[in-house]
Amino acid sequence: MKKFVIERNLPGAGNLSPEELKNISQTSCEVVSQLGQPYHWIQSFVTDDKIYCIHIAESEEVVREHAKRGNFPINTVSEVRAVIDPQTSSGT
């Protein structure tokens, strides 16, 4: 499985209410359960006008199918090639 970062342009995303975020989350989970393929929504980061999502899937096509079925905007899908953090600087 591959890890993807998905960028969704959503003006005003930072002003979404907890109820609206709950509804978005419920829709995403319902779509995941209906895909019939291995798929994991890991986490999403909501900024003022965008939502960045981390998903694990077999392919970009499956990620796009999830967005289509959920009626979620999808502006870019990028496969994660590596992950770095402060411990990376020590080379361990």
PDB file of N, CA and C in Angstrom:
ATOM      1  N   MET A   1       0.853  -1.175   0.000  1.00  0.00           N
ATOM      2  CA  MET A   1       0.000   0.000   0.000  1.00  0.00           C
ATOM      3  C   MET A   1       0.900   1.241   0.000  1.00  0.00           C
ATOM      4  N   LYS A   2       0.382   2.277  -0.574  1.00  0.00           N
ATOM      5  CA  LYS A   2       1.119   3.532  -0.701  1.00  0.00           C
ATOM      6  C   LYS A   2       0.452   4.605   0.150  1.00  0.00           C
ATOM      7  N   LYS A   3       1.268   5.568   0.574  1.00  0.00           N
ATOM      8  CA  LYS A   3       0.739   6.686   1.358  1.00  0.00           C
ATOM      9  C   LYS A   3       0.649   7.907   0.444  1.00  0.00           C
ATOM     10  N   PHE A   4      -0.467   8.635   0.546  1.00  0.00           N
ATOM     11  CA  PHE A   4      -0.700   9.799  -0.298  1.00  0.00           C
ATOM     12  C   PHE A   4      -1.043  11.023   0.549  1.00  0.00           C
ATOM     13  N   VAL A   5      -0.589  12.185   0.059  1.00  0.00           N
ATOM     14  CA  VAL A   5      -1.020  13.472   0.601  1.00  0.00           C
ATOM     15  C   VAL A   5      -1.973  14.061  -0.426  1.00  0.00           C
ATOM     16  N   ILE A   6      -3.158  14.405   0.024  1.00  0.00           N
ATOM     17  CA  ILE A   6      -4.194  14.938  -0.852  1.00  0.00           C
ATOM     18  C   ILE A   6      -4.467  16.387  -0.450  1.00  0.00           C
ATOM     19  N   GLU A   7      -4.392  17.264  -1.420  1.00  0.00           N
ATOM     20  CA  GLU A   7      -4.673  18.675  -1.178  1.00  0.00           C
ATOM     21  C   GLU A   7      -6.062  18.998  -1.710  1.00  0.00           C
ATOM     22  N   ARG A   8      -6.897  19.532  -0.843  1.00  0.00           N
ATOM     23  CA  ARG A   8      -8.264  19.906  -1.233  1.00  0.00           C
ATOM     24  C   ARG A   8      -8.440  21.403  -0.993  1.00  0.00           C
ATOM     25  N   ASN A   9      -8.688  22.143  -2.073  1.00  0.00           N
ATOM     26  CA  ASN A   9      -8.985  23.571  -1.924  1.00  0.00           C
ATOM     27  C   ASN A   9     -10.424  23.702  -1.458  1.00  0.00           C
ATOM     28  N   LEU A  10     -10.612  24.307  -0.318  1.00  0.00           N
ATOM     29  CA  LEU A  10     -11.946  24.464   0.250  1.00  0.00           C
ATOM     30  C   LEU A  10     -12.002  25.805   0.980  1.00  0.00           C
ATOM     31  N   PRO A  11     -12.311  26.884   0.217  1.00  0.00           N
ATOM     32  CA  PRO A  11     -12.342  28.212   0.845  1.00  0.00           C
ATOM     33  C   PRO A  11     -13.203  28.218   2.103  1.00  0.00           C
ATOM     34  N   GLY A  12     -12.657  28.782   3.167  1.00  0.00           N
ATOM     35  CA  GLY A  12     -13.376  28.859   4.434  1.00  0.00           C
ATOM     36  C   GLY A  12     -13.304  27.592   5.263  1.00  0.00           C
ATOM     37  N   ALA A  13     -12.478  26.649   4.865  1.00  0.00           N
ATOM     38  CA  ALA A  13     -12.383  25.382   5.596  1.00  0.00           C
ATOM     39  C   ALA A  13     -12.088  25.611   7.084  1.00  0.00           C
ATOM     40  N   GLY A  14     -11.278  26.605   7.369  1.00  0.00           N
ATOM     41  CA  GLY A  14     -10.921  26.878   8.757  1.00  0.00           C
ATOM     42  C   GLY A  14     -12.086  27.343   9.605  1.00  0.00           C
ATOM     43  N   ASN A  15     -13.186  27.720   8.956  1.00  0.00           N
ATOM     44  CA  ASN A  15     -14.374  28.175   9.692  1.00  0.00           C
ATOM     45  C   ASN A  15     -15.450  27.102   9.797  1.00  0.00           C
ATOM     46  N   LEU A  16     -15.162  25.886   9.316  1.00  0.00           N
ATOM     47  CA  LEU A  16     -16.152  24.810   9.413  1.00  0.00           C
ATOM     48  C   LEU A  16     -16.437  24.513  10.880  1.00  0.00           C
ATOM     49  N   SER A  17     -17.684  24.301  11.181  1.00  0.00           N
ATOM     50  CA  SER A  17     -18.086  24.023  12.566  1.00  0.00           C
ATOM     51  C   SER A  17     -17.736  22.574  12.920  1.00  0.00           C
ATOM     52  N   PRO A  18     -17.685  22.280  14.208  1.00  0.00           N
ATOM     53  CA  PRO A  18     -17.448  20.886  14.613  1.00  0.00           C
ATOM     54  C   PRO A  18     -18.471  19.932  14.000  1.00  0.00           C
ATOM     55  N   GLU A  19     -19.723  20.364  13.864  1.00  0.00           N
ATOM     56  CA  GLU A  19     -20.764  19.519  13.265  1.00  0.00           C
ATOM     57  C   GLU A  19     -20.473  19.275  11.786  1.00  0.00           C
ATOM     58  N   GLU A  20     -20.033  20.314  11.083  1.00  0.00           N
ATOM     59  CA  GLU A  20     -19.702  20.160   9.661  1.00  0.00           C
ATOM     60  C   GLU A  20     -18.508  19.226   9.495  1.00  0.00           C
ATOM     61  N   LEU A  21     -17.511  19.375  10.355  1.00  0.00           N
ATOM     62  CA  LEU A  21     -16.340  18.485  10.292  1.00  0.00           C
ATOM     63  C   LEU A  21     -16.752  17.041  10.602  1.00  0.00           C
ATOM     64  N   LYS A  22     -17.667  16.890  11.533  1.00  0.00           N
ATOM     65  CA  LYS A  22     -18.171  15.555  11.861  1.00  0.00           C
ATOM     66  C   LYS A  22     -18.870  14.939  10.650  1.00  0.00           C
ATOM     67  N   ASN A  23     -19.682  15.742   9.960  1.00  0.00           N
ATOM     68  CA  ASN A  23     -20.392  15.242   8.780  1.00  0.00           C
ATOM     69  C   ASN A  23     -19.413  14.839   7.672  1.00  0.00           C
ATOM     70  N   ILE A  24     -18.394  15.636   7.465  1.00  0.00           N
ATOM     71  CA  ILE A  24     -17.372  15.316   6.455  1.00  0.00           C
ATOM     72  C   ILE A  24     -16.683  14.005   6.835  1.00  0.00           C
ATOM     73  N   SER A  25     -16.345  13.876   8.104  1.00  0.00           N
ATOM     74  CA  SER A  25     -15.675  12.670   8.582  1.00  0.00           C
ATOM     75  C   SER A  25     -16.567  11.444   8.405  1.00  0.00           C
ATOM     76  N   GLN A  26     -17.838  11.583   8.733  1.00  0.00           N
ATOM     77  CA  GLN A  26     -18.761  10.456   8.580  1.00  0.00           C
ATOM     78  C   GLN A  26     -18.889  10.046   7.115  1.00  0.00           C
ATOM     79  N   THR A  27     -18.977  11.035   6.227  1.00  0.00           N
ATOM     80  CA  THR A  27     -19.073  10.726   4.792  1.00  0.00           C
ATOM     81  C   THR A  27     -17.826   9.990   4.330  1.00  0.00           C
ATOM     82  N   SER A  28     -16.661  10.483   4.743  1.00  0.00           N
ATOM     83  CA  SER A  28     -15.415   9.833   4.336  1.00  0.00           C
ATOM     84  C   SER A  28     -15.370   8.384   4.821  1.00  0.00           C
ATOM     85  N   CYS A  29     -15.738   8.167   6.073  1.00  0.00           N
ATOM     86  CA  CYS A  29     -15.708   6.803   6.619  1.00  0.00           C
ATOM     87  C   CYS A  29     -16.703   5.889   5.903  1.00  0.00           C
ATOM     88  N   GLU A  30     -17.868   6.419   5.570  1.00  0.00           N
ATOM     89  CA  GLU A  30     -18.855   5.621   4.838  1.00  0.00           C
ATOM     90  C   GLU A  30     -18.327   5.226   3.465  1.00  0.00           C
ATOM     91  N   VAL A  31     -17.699   6.175   2.786  1.00  0.00           N
ATOM     92  CA  VAL A  31     -17.140   5.879   1.456  1.00  0.00           C
ATOM     93  C   VAL A  31     -16.029   4.837   1.574  1.00  0.00           C
ATOM     94  N   VAL A  32     -15.175   4.995   2.579  1.00  0.00           N
ATOM     95  CA  VAL A  32     -14.097   4.007   2.772  1.00  0.00           C
ATOM     96  C   VAL A  32     -14.684   2.608   2.927  1.00  0.00           C
ATOM     97  N   SER A  33     -15.756   2.491   3.710  1.00  0.00           N
ATOM     98  CA  SER A  33     -16.338   1.165   3.955  1.00  0.00           C
ATOM     99  C   SER A  33     -17.022   0.591   2.720  1.00  0.00           C
ATOM    100  N   GLN A  34     -17.376   1.463   1.773  1.00  0.00           N
ATOM    101  CA  GLN A  34     -18.066   1.011   0.560  1.00  0.00           C
ATOM    102  C   GLN A  34     -17.125   0.789  -0.618  1.00  0.00           C
ATOM    103  N   LEU A  35     -15.868   1.175  -0.487  1.00  0.00           N
ATOM    104  CA  LEU A  35     -14.936   1.058  -1.616  1.00  0.00           C
ATOM    105  C   LEU A  35     -14.681  -0.394  -2.008  1.00  0.00           C
ATOM    106  N   GLY A  36     -14.714  -1.287  -1.024  1.00  0.00           N
ATOM    107  CA  GLY A  36     -14.457  -2.687  -1.324  1.00  0.00           C
ATOM    108  C   GLY A  36     -12.994  -2.970  -1.621  1.00  0.00           C
ATOM    109  N   GLN A  37     -12.130  -2.075  -1.196  1.00  0.00           N
ATOM    110  CA  GLN A  37     -10.688  -2.235  -1.392  1.00  0.00           C
ATOM    111  C   GLN A  37      -9.984  -1.794  -0.114  1.00  0.00           C
ATOM    112  N   PRO A  38      -8.775  -2.290   0.083  1.00  0.00           N
ATOM    113  CA  PRO A  38      -8.029  -1.801   1.245  1.00  0.00           C
ATOM    114  C   PRO A  38      -7.834  -0.287   1.145  1.00  0.00           C
ATOM    115  N   TYR A  39      -8.200   0.420   2.181  1.00  0.00           N
ATOM    116  CA  TYR A  39      -8.110   1.878   2.152  1.00  0.00           C
ATOM    117  C   TYR A  39      -8.115   2.382   3.581  1.00  0.00           C
ATOM    118  N   HIS A  40      -7.217   3.295   3.885  1.00  0.00           N
ATOM    119  CA  HIS A  40      -7.135   3.848   5.232  1.00  0.00           C
ATOM    120  C   HIS A  40      -7.020   5.363   5.159  1.00  0.00           C
ATOM    121  N   TRP A  41      -7.961   6.024   5.800  1.00  0.00           N
ATOM    122  CA  TRP A  41      -7.861   7.475   5.975  1.00  0.00           C
ATOM    123  C   TRP A  41      -7.141   7.658   7.307  1.00  0.00           C
ATOM    124  N   ILE A  42      -5.963   8.237   7.269  1.00  0.00           N
ATOM    125  CA  ILE A  42      -5.137   8.368   8.474  1.00  0.00           C
ATOM    126  C   ILE A  42      -5.482   9.632   9.262  1.00  0.00           C
ATOM    127  N   GLN A  43      -5.457  10.781   8.570  1.00  0.00           N
ATOM    128  CA  GLN A  43      -5.626  12.047   9.286  1.00  0.00           C
ATOM    129  C   GLN A  43      -5.791  13.164   8.264  1.00  0.00           C
ATOM    130  N   SER A  44      -6.430  14.235   8.666  1.00  0.00           N
ATOM    131  CA  SER A  44      -6.540  15.412   7.805  1.00  0.00           C
ATOM    132  C   SER A  44      -6.208  16.651   8.616  1.00  0.00           C
ATOM    133  N   PHE A  45      -5.608  17.619   7.938  1.00  0.00           N
ATOM    134  CA  PHE A  45      -5.207  18.878   8.559  1.00  0.00           C
ATOM    135  C   PHE A  45      -6.009  19.992   7.892  1.00  0.00           C
ATOM    136  N   VAL A  46      -6.790  20.709   8.690  1.00  0.00           N
ATOM    137  CA  VAL A  46      -7.652  21.763   8.167  1.00  0.00           C
ATOM    138  C   VAL A  46      -6.948  23.101   8.364  1.00  0.00           C
ATOM    139  N   THR A  47      -6.756  23.848   7.266  1.00  0.00           N
ATOM    140  CA  THR A  47      -6.182  25.184   7.338  1.00  0.00           C
ATOM    141  C   THR A  47      -7.268  26.179   6.928  1.00  0.00           C
ATOM    142  N   ASP A  48      -6.917  27.435   6.770  1.00  0.00           N
ATOM    143  CA  ASP A  48      -7.930  28.449   6.448  1.00  0.00           C
ATOM    144  C   ASP A  48      -8.746  28.090   5.206  1.00  0.00           C
ATOM    145  N   ASP A  49      -8.063  27.723   4.127  1.00  0.00           N
ATOM    146  CA  ASP A  49      -8.759  27.502   2.856  1.00  0.00           C
ATOM    147  C   ASP A  49      -8.451  26.157   2.199  1.00  0.00           C
ATOM    148  N   LYS A  50      -7.829  25.246   2.930  1.00  0.00           N
ATOM    149  CA  LYS A  50      -7.498  23.945   2.359  1.00  0.00           C
ATOM    150  C   LYS A  50      -7.591  22.861   3.424  1.00  0.00           C
ATOM    151  N   ILE A  51      -7.744  21.641   2.945  1.00  0.00           N
ATOM    152  CA  ILE A  51      -7.647  20.475   3.815  1.00  0.00           C
ATOM    153  C   ILE A  51      -6.602  19.559   3.188  1.00  0.00           C
ATOM    154  N   TYR A  52      -5.621  19.162   3.980  1.00  0.00           N
ATOM    155  CA  TYR A  52      -4.583  18.227   3.542  1.00  0.00           C
ATOM    156  C   TYR A  52      -4.858  16.898   4.234  1.00  0.00           C
ATOM    157  N   CYS A  53      -5.006  15.857   3.429  1.00  0.00           N
ATOM    158  CA  CYS A  53      -5.383  14.547   3.967  1.00  0.00           C
ATOM    159  C   CYS A  53      -4.265  13.532   3.723  1.00  0.00           C
ATOM    160  N   ILE A  54      -4.113  12.636   4.663  1.00  0.00           N
ATOM    161  CA  ILE A  54      -3.173  11.524   4.526  1.00  0.00           C
ATOM    162  C   ILE A  54      -4.004  10.246   4.403  1.00  0.00           C
ATOM    163  N   HIS A  55      -3.852   9.587   3.279  1.00  0.00           N
ATOM    164  CA  HIS A  55      -4.578   8.341   3.035  1.00  0.00           C
ATOM    165  C   HIS A  55      -3.592   7.264   2.594  1.00  0.00           C
ATOM    166  N   ILE A  56      -3.937   6.034   2.877  1.00  0.00           N
ATOM    167  CA  ILE A  56      -3.147   4.887   2.409  1.00  0.00           C
ATOM    168  C   ILE A  56      -4.048   4.062   1.506  1.00  0.00           C
ATOM    169  N   ALA A  57      -3.543   3.793   0.299  1.00  0.00           N
ATOM    170  CA  ALA A  57      -4.342   3.072  -0.698  1.00  0.00           C
ATOM    171  C   ALA A  57      -3.407   2.351  -1.656  1.00  0.00           C
ATOM    172  N   GLU A  58      -3.996   1.503  -2.475  1.00  0.00           N
ATOM    173  CA  GLU A  58      -3.212   0.783  -3.478  1.00  0.00           C
ATOM    174  C   GLU A  58      -2.718   1.706  -4.584  1.00  0.00           C
ATOM    175  N   SER A  59      -3.519   2.721  -4.915  1.00  0.00           N
ATOM    176  CA  SER A  59      -3.145   3.572  -6.050  1.00  0.00           C
ATOM    177  C   SER A  59      -3.810   4.937  -5.959  1.00  0.00           C
ATOM    178  N   GLU A  60      -3.314   5.853  -6.760  1.00  0.00           N
ATOM    179  CA  GLU A  60      -3.913   7.181  -6.847  1.00  0.00           C
ATOM    180  C   GLU A  60      -5.344   7.085  -7.374  1.00  0.00           C
ATOM    181  N   GLU A  61      -5.603   6.121  -8.249  1.00  0.00           N
ATOM    182  CA  GLU A  61      -6.946   5.969  -8.800  1.00  0.00           C
ATOM    183  C   GLU A  61      -7.963   5.676  -7.701  1.00  0.00           C
ATOM    184  N   VAL A  62      -7.572   4.880  -6.732  1.00  0.00           N
ATOM    185  CA  VAL A  62      -8.485   4.565  -5.627  1.00  0.00           C
ATOM    186  C   VAL A  62      -8.722   5.809  -4.767  1.00  0.00           C
ATOM    187  N   VAL A  63      -7.687   6.602  -4.575  1.00  0.00           N
ATOM    188  CA  VAL A  63      -7.832   7.856  -3.822  1.00  0.00           C
ATOM    189  C   VAL A  63      -8.828   8.770  -4.540  1.00  0.00           C
ATOM    190  N   ARG A  64      -8.696   8.848  -5.853  1.00  0.00           N
ATOM    191  CA  ARG A  64      -9.611   9.706  -6.634  1.00  0.00           C
ATOM    192  C   ARG A  64     -11.046   9.152  -6.606  1.00  0.00           C
ATOM    193  N   GLU A  65     -11.192   7.852  -6.576  1.00  0.00           N
ATOM    194  CA  GLU A  65     -12.530   7.252  -6.479  1.00  0.00           C
ATOM    195  C   GLU A  65     -13.173   7.595  -5.142  1.00  0.00           C
ATOM    196  N   HIS A  66     -12.387   7.560  -4.065  1.00  0.00           N
ATOM    197  CA  HIS A  66     -12.894   7.950  -2.748  1.00  0.00           C
ATOM    198  C   HIS A  66     -13.404   9.389  -2.795  1.00  0.00           C
ATOM    199  N   ALA A  67     -12.641  10.284  -3.398  1.00  0.00           N
ATOM    200  CA  ALA A  67     -13.046  11.694  -3.485  1.00  0.00           C
ATOM    201  C   ALA A  67     -14.311  11.850  -4.325  1.00  0.00           C
ATOM    202  N   LYS A  68     -14.379  11.107  -5.427  1.00  0.00           N
ATOM    203  CA  LYS A  68     -15.544  11.191  -6.311  1.00  0.00           C
ATOM    204  C   LYS A  68     -16.811  10.735  -5.591  1.00  0.00           C
ATOM    205  N   ARG A  69     -16.718   9.599  -4.938  1.00  0.00           N
ATOM    206  CA  ARG A  69     -17.900   9.064  -4.243  1.00  0.00           C
ATOM    207  C   ARG A  69     -18.324   9.938  -3.069  1.00  0.00           C
ATOM    208  N   GLY A  70     -17.364  10.574  -2.415  1.00  0.00           N
ATOM    209  CA  GLY A  70     -17.676  11.423  -1.272  1.00  0.00           C
ATOM    210  C   GLY A  70     -17.991  12.853  -1.655  1.00  0.00           C
ATOM    211  N   ASN A  71     -17.846  13.157  -2.957  1.00  0.00           N
ATOM    212  CA  ASN A  71     -18.042  14.514  -3.455  1.00  0.00           C
ATOM    213  C   ASN A  71     -17.093  15.494  -2.761  1.00  0.00           C
ATOM    214  N   PHE A  72     -15.866  15.026  -2.561  1.00  0.00           N
ATOM    215  CA  PHE A  72     -14.840  15.865  -1.956  1.00  0.00           C
ATOM    216  C   PHE A  72     -14.003  16.520  -3.058  1.00  0.00           C
ATOM    217  N   PRO A  73     -13.644  17.792  -2.898  1.00  0.00           N
ATOM    218  CA  PRO A  73     -12.733  18.383  -3.874  1.00  0.00           C
ATOM    219  C   PRO A  73     -11.374  17.693  -3.796  1.00  0.00           C
ATOM    220  N   ILE A  74     -10.713  17.631  -4.923  1.00  0.00           N
ATOM    221  CA  ILE A  74      -9.376  17.038  -4.928  1.00  0.00           C
ATOM    222  C   ILE A  74      -8.554  17.833  -5.935  1.00  0.00           C
ATOM    223  N   ASN A  75      -7.523  18.502  -5.433  1.00  0.00           N
ATOM    224  CA  ASN A  75      -6.720  19.350  -6.297  1.00  0.00           C
ATOM    225  C   ASN A  75      -5.395  18.708  -6.677  1.00  0.00           C
ATOM    226  N   THR A  76      -4.760  18.078  -5.717  1.00  0.00           N
ATOM    227  CA  THR A  76      -3.546  17.327  -6.030  1.00  0.00           C
ATOM    228  C   THR A  76      -3.505  16.059  -5.183  1.00  0.00           C
ATOM    229  N   VAL A  77      -2.899  15.040  -5.758  1.00  0.00           N
ATOM    230  CA  VAL A  77      -2.624  13.801  -5.038  1.00  0.00           C
ATOM    231  C   VAL A  77      -1.149  13.520  -5.238  1.00  0.00           C
ATOM    232  N   SER A  78      -0.406  13.414  -4.169  1.00  0.00           N
ATOM    233  CA  SER A  78       1.029  13.155  -4.253  1.00  0.00           C
ATOM    234  C   SER A  78       1.377  11.941  -3.413  1.00  0.00           C
ATOM    235  N   GLU A  79       2.103  11.006  -4.013  1.00  0.00           N
ATOM    236  CA  GLU A  79       2.552   9.846  -3.253  1.00  0.00           C
ATOM    237  C   GLU A  79       3.720  10.240  -2.364  1.00  0.00           C
ATOM    238  N   VAL A  80       3.684   9.814  -1.125  1.00  0.00           N
ATOM    239  CA  VAL A  80       4.762  10.101  -0.172  1.00  0.00           C
ATOM    240  C   VAL A  80       5.928   9.174  -0.502  1.00  0.00           C
ATOM    241  N   ARG A  81       7.090   9.733  -0.742  1.00  0.00           N
ATOM    242  CA  ARG A  81       8.286   8.957  -1.079  1.00  0.00           C
ATOM    243  C   ARG A  81       9.187   8.713   0.122  1.00  0.00           C
ATOM    244  N   ALA A  82       9.118   9.602   1.104  1.00  0.00           N
ATOM    245  CA  ALA A  82       9.934   9.455   2.312  1.00  0.00           C
ATOM    246  C   ALA A  82       9.314  10.312   3.404  1.00  0.00           C
ATOM    247  N   VAL A  83       9.639   9.985   4.626  1.00  0.00           N
ATOM    248  CA  VAL A  83       9.194  10.767   5.774  1.00  0.00           C
ATOM    249  C   VAL A  83      10.430  11.149   6.573  1.00  0.00           C
ATOM    250  N   ILE A  84      10.546  12.409   6.912  1.00  0.00           N
ATOM    251  CA  ILE A  84      11.656  12.853   7.748  1.00  0.00           C
ATOM    252  C   ILE A  84      11.099  13.565   8.971  1.00  0.00           C
ATOM    253  N   ASP A  85      11.897  13.611  10.026  1.00  0.00           N
ATOM    254  CA  ASP A  85      11.529  14.320  11.244  1.00  0.00           C
ATOM    255  C   ASP A  85      12.816  14.728  11.950  1.00  0.00           C
ATOM    256  N   PRO A  86      12.751  15.339  13.135  1.00  0.00           N
ATOM    257  CA  PRO A  86      13.984  15.784  13.784  1.00  0.00           C
ATOM    258  C   PRO A  86      15.001  14.653  14.018  1.00  0.00           C
ATOM    259  N   GLN A  87      14.539  13.437  14.211  1.00  0.00           N
ATOM    260  CA  GLN A  87      15.471  12.326  14.423  1.00  0.00           C
ATOM    261  C   GLN A  87      16.252  11.989  13.157  1.00  0.00           C
ATOM    262  N   THR A  88      15.733  12.377  11.999  1.00  0.00           N
ATOM    263  CA  THR A  88      16.429  12.121  10.739  1.00  0.00           C
ATOM    264  C   THR A  88      17.788  12.819  10.732  1.00  0.00           C
ATOM    265  N   SER A  89      17.894  13.962  11.415  1.00  0.00           N
ATOM    266  CA  SER A  89      19.154  14.717  11.423  1.00  0.00           C
ATOM    267  C   SER A  89      20.286  13.959  12.102  1.00  0.00           C
ATOM    268  N   SER A  90      19.944  13.032  12.990  1.00  0.00           N
ATOM    269  CA  SER A  90      20.988  12.273  13.679  1.00  0.00           C
ATOM    270  C   SER A  90      21.432  11.059  12.874  1.00  0.00           C
ATOM    271  N   GLY A  91      20.712  10.752  11.814  1.00  0.00           N
ATOM    272  CA  GLY A  91      21.085   9.623  10.962  1.00  0.00           C
ATOM    273  C   GLY A  91      20.750   8.275  11.553  1.00  0.00           C
ATOM    274  N   THR A  92      19.924   8.255  12.617  1.00  0.00           N
ATOM    275  CA  THR A  92      19.569   6.951  13.220  1.00  0.00           C
ATOM    276  C   THR A  92      18.246   6.458  12.737  1.00  0.00           C
TER     277      THR A  92
END
